[in-house]
Amino acid sequence: MKVLLVVAGVALASALVSARTIIIVKVNGGPSGFNRVSEVHTENESKLTCYGSGSTACEWTVKPQLVRGYPRLIEYAETQIAEGNLVGTYTEMIDGVPCTVRWEAQDVYNAEIVLED
């Protein structure tokens, strides 16, 4: 029994250490897109920030790597926002790991979406 608890503890610690986050922030966009789009990738986080009304799509130049549920859970949140569900959380088990996407928005042009695996 002790061995099982130790193995479970090590697995949980490994999952926490290797957890990654994707953050998408959209501010004051318009129907044709955004004026400025920037992205930053670190070891544990990828952040896409899109500002101002313009003609550039709010899309990654370099897609985030190694995040379970990407892009499916991001698309889920974007669909919820488009349908008028402006605040929410959804968790799905992927490869035995709970992956959670959270979103808060005023509309499709002003939103924050966070995906954690």
Protein backbone atom coordinates (compact mmCIF):
# COMPACT_ATOMS: atom_id res chain seq x y z
CA MET A 1 0.00 0.00 0.00
CA LYS A 2 2.85 2.40 0.84
CA VAL A 3 4.44 1.73 -2.55
CA LEU A 4 1.17 2.59 -4.30
CA LEU A 5 0.91 5.87 -2.38
CA VAL A 6 4.51 6.78 -3.21
CA VAL A 7 3.97 6.01 -6.90
CA ALA A 8 0.76 8.07 -6.93
CA GLY A 9 2.55 10.96 -5.20
CA VAL A 10 5.41 10.90 -7.71
CA ALA A 11 2.96 10.79 -10.62
CA LEU A 12 1.03 13.74 -9.22
CA ALA A 13 4.21 15.74 -8.61
CA SER A 14 5.39 15.00 -12.16
CA ALA A 15 2.07 16.13 -13.58
CA LEU A 16 2.22 19.38 -11.62
CA VAL A 17 5.80 20.09 -12.65
CA SER A 18 5.07 19.43 -16.31
CA ALA A 19 1.79 21.36 -16.34
CA ARG A 20 1.58 23.93 -19.10
CA THR A 21 -0.74 26.83 -19.68
CA ILE A 22 -2.05 28.56 -22.78
CA ILE A 23 -3.44 32.08 -22.36
CA ILE A 24 -5.27 33.99 -25.09
CA VAL A 25 -6.18 37.63 -24.46
CA LYS A 26 -8.29 39.62 -26.94
CA VAL A 27 -8.85 43.35 -26.37
CA ASN A 28 -10.95 45.72 -28.53
CA GLY A 29 -10.83 43.67 -31.71
CA GLY A 30 -13.15 44.09 -34.62
CA PRO A 31 -14.97 42.00 -37.23
CA SER A 32 -11.92 42.05 -39.52
CA GLY A 33 -9.42 41.17 -36.81
CA PHE A 34 -6.86 42.94 -34.66
CA ASN A 35 -4.30 45.70 -35.10
CA ARG A 36 -1.51 44.05 -33.04
CA VAL A 37 -0.91 40.39 -32.36
CA SER A 38 1.94 39.14 -30.20
CA GLU A 39 2.89 35.83 -28.68
CA VAL A 40 5.33 34.72 -26.02
CA HIS A 41 6.39 31.15 -25.29
CA THR A 42 8.20 30.04 -22.15
CA GLU A 43 8.87 26.58 -20.81
CA ASN A 44 5.49 26.37 -19.04
CA GLU A 45 3.34 29.00 -20.73
CA SER A 46 2.30 30.27 -24.14
CA LYS A 47 0.48 33.60 -24.33
CA LEU A 48 -1.22 35.11 -27.37
CA THR A 49 -2.29 38.75 -27.00
CA CYS A 50 -4.37 40.57 -29.61
CA TYR A 51 -5.14 44.32 -29.36
CA GLY A 52 -7.20 46.88 -31.20
CA SER A 53 -9.42 46.69 -34.23
CA GLY A 54 -7.53 45.89 -37.42
CA SER A 55 -7.13 43.28 -40.12
CA THR A 56 -4.85 40.65 -38.53
CA ALA A 57 -6.29 37.36 -37.29
CA CYS A 58 -5.71 36.50 -33.63
CA GLU A 59 -3.66 33.39 -34.44
CA TRP A 60 -0.41 31.80 -33.35
CA THR A 61 2.67 32.12 -35.54
CA VAL A 62 4.25 29.27 -33.54
CA LYS A 63 1.60 26.91 -32.20
CA PRO A 64 1.91 25.94 -28.51
CA GLN A 65 3.41 22.52 -27.95
CA LEU A 66 2.74 19.76 -25.45
CA VAL A 67 -0.52 21.03 -24.03
CA ARG A 68 -3.19 18.38 -23.76
CA GLY A 69 -6.52 19.47 -25.19
CA TYR A 70 -5.09 22.08 -27.55
CA PRO A 71 -6.68 23.21 -29.84
CA ARG A 72 -9.95 21.41 -29.08
CA LEU A 73 -10.60 22.99 -25.67
CA ILE A 74 -9.67 26.49 -26.89
CA GLU A 75 -12.14 26.04 -29.75
CA TYR A 76 -14.74 24.86 -27.23
CA ALA A 77 -14.33 28.08 -25.21
CA GLU A 78 -14.43 30.25 -28.35
CA THR A 79 -17.66 28.54 -29.44
CA GLN A 80 -19.19 29.11 -26.01
CA ILE A 81 -18.30 32.81 -26.17
CA ALA A 82 -19.75 33.11 -29.71
CA GLU A 83 -22.98 31.53 -28.42
CA GLY A 84 -23.23 34.12 -25.64
CA ASN A 85 -21.92 32.02 -22.74
CA LEU A 86 -19.44 34.68 -21.67
CA VAL A 87 -18.10 33.12 -18.46
CA GLY A 88 -17.39 29.46 -17.93
CA THR A 89 -15.15 26.56 -17.10
CA TYR A 90 -14.94 23.13 -18.70
CA THR A 91 -12.77 20.19 -17.62
CA GLU A 92 -12.07 17.07 -19.64
CA MET A 93 -9.89 14.07 -18.81
CA ILE A 94 -7.25 13.63 -21.52
CA ASP A 95 -4.67 10.84 -21.20
CA GLY A 96 -5.75 10.47 -17.56
CA VAL A 97 -5.00 14.13 -16.80
CA PRO A 98 -7.70 16.72 -16.06
CA CYS A 99 -7.43 19.58 -18.57
CA THR A 100 -9.38 22.73 -17.78
CA VAL A 101 -10.29 25.65 -20.00
CA ARG A 102 -11.66 28.82 -18.41
CA TRP A 103 -13.00 31.85 -20.19
CA GLU A 104 -14.36 35.28 -19.41
CA ALA A 105 -15.50 37.67 -22.11
CA GLN A 106 -17.54 40.72 -22.92
CA ASP A 107 -17.91 39.50 -26.52
CA VAL A 108 -15.83 37.63 -29.14
CA TYR A 109 -13.50 40.64 -29.52
CA ASN A 110 -12.82 41.07 -25.79
CA ALA A 111 -12.02 37.83 -24.03
CA GLU A 112 -9.52 35.90 -21.97
CA ILE A 113 -9.19 32.14 -22.39
CA VAL A 114 -6.90 30.01 -20.23
CA LEU A 115 -6.15 26.32 -20.85
CA GLU A 116 -4.23 24.30 -18.27
CA ASP A 117 -3.22 20.68 -18.51
